[in-house]
Amino acid sequence: MNMIKTLGFLLTIGAGITLTLGVLSVFGSMNMGNVQWPMIILGTVFFFAGIGLLKYRKDTDAIQADNN
């Protein structure tokens, strides 16, 4: 696995965890204080950034093969 795909994967997993905690906090299952809405917003942004990296970026191996 290369660097771009790894970064996209980590962003997506981290965003999923952040979104889950934020949504649970909004609906009252967890008490997180005032950080519930920033967690939902940042989780959404990082989720779409991670999916975008996974979906639209070429692998570094594919780029090197195209250059040779």
Protein backbone atom coordinates (compact mmCIF):
# COMPACT_ATOMS: atom_id res chain seq x y z
CA MET A 1 0.00 0.00 0.00
CA ASN A 2 1.37 3.42 -0.78
CA MET A 3 1.43 6.73 1.04
CA ILE A 4 -1.63 8.37 -0.56
CA LYS A 5 -3.88 5.37 -0.06
CA THR A 6 -2.63 4.93 3.52
CA LEU A 7 -3.35 8.57 4.34
CA GLY A 8 -6.82 8.30 2.80
CA PHE A 9 -7.52 5.13 4.75
CA LEU A 10 -6.38 6.69 8.05
CA LEU A 11 -8.43 9.85 7.43
CA THR A 12 -11.52 7.79 6.68
CA ILE A 13 -11.16 5.56 9.75
CA GLY A 14 -10.40 8.50 12.05
CA ALA A 15 -13.33 10.45 10.66
CA GLY A 16 -15.65 7.51 11.18
CA ILE A 17 -14.63 7.29 14.83
CA THR A 18 -15.01 11.05 15.26
CA LEU A 19 -18.42 11.08 13.58
CA THR A 20 -19.62 8.20 15.73
CA LEU A 21 -18.57 9.90 18.95
CA GLY A 22 -20.08 13.21 17.84
CA VAL A 23 -23.42 11.70 16.87
CA LEU A 24 -23.62 9.68 20.08
CA SER A 25 -22.91 12.86 22.03
CA VAL A 26 -25.61 14.85 20.19
CA PHE A 27 -28.27 12.24 20.87
CA GLY A 28 -27.38 11.97 24.56
CA SER A 29 -25.70 8.57 24.76
CA MET A 30 -22.39 10.18 25.73
CA ASN A 31 -21.59 13.36 27.61
CA MET A 32 -18.73 15.17 25.84
CA GLY A 33 -19.48 18.76 26.78
CA ASN A 34 -19.23 21.42 24.12
CA VAL A 35 -17.15 19.48 21.60
CA GLN A 36 -19.98 17.54 20.01
CA TRP A 37 -20.66 19.84 17.04
CA PRO A 38 -17.00 20.49 16.19
CA MET A 39 -16.45 16.72 16.21
CA ILE A 40 -19.31 16.19 13.77
CA ILE A 41 -18.08 18.96 11.47
CA LEU A 42 -14.44 17.83 11.51
CA GLY A 43 -15.46 14.20 11.14
CA THR A 44 -17.51 15.05 8.06
CA VAL A 45 -14.69 17.08 6.50
CA PHE A 46 -12.05 14.41 7.16
CA PHE A 47 -14.38 11.65 5.97
CA PHE A 48 -14.93 13.29 2.59
CA ALA A 49 -11.22 14.15 2.33
CA GLY A 50 -10.27 10.53 3.00
CA ILE A 51 -12.81 9.15 0.54
CA GLY A 52 -11.62 11.67 -2.06
CA LEU A 53 -8.03 10.51 -1.62
CA LEU A 54 -9.02 6.88 -1.90
CA LYS A 55 -11.25 7.38 -4.91
CA TYR A 56 -9.52 9.90 -7.16
CA ARG A 57 -5.77 9.66 -6.54
CA LYS A 58 -3.53 7.27 -8.41
CA ASP A 59 -1.21 4.96 -6.54
CA THR A 60 2.43 6.00 -6.45
CA ASP A 61 3.24 2.64 -8.08
CA ALA A 62 0.90 3.47 -10.97
CA ILE A 63 2.46 6.92 -11.38
CA GLN A 64 5.96 5.42 -11.48
CA ALA A 65 4.82 2.84 -14.05
CA ASP A 66 3.35 5.61 -16.22
CA ASN A 67 6.63 7.55 -16.09
CA ASN A 68 8.74 4.57 -17.22
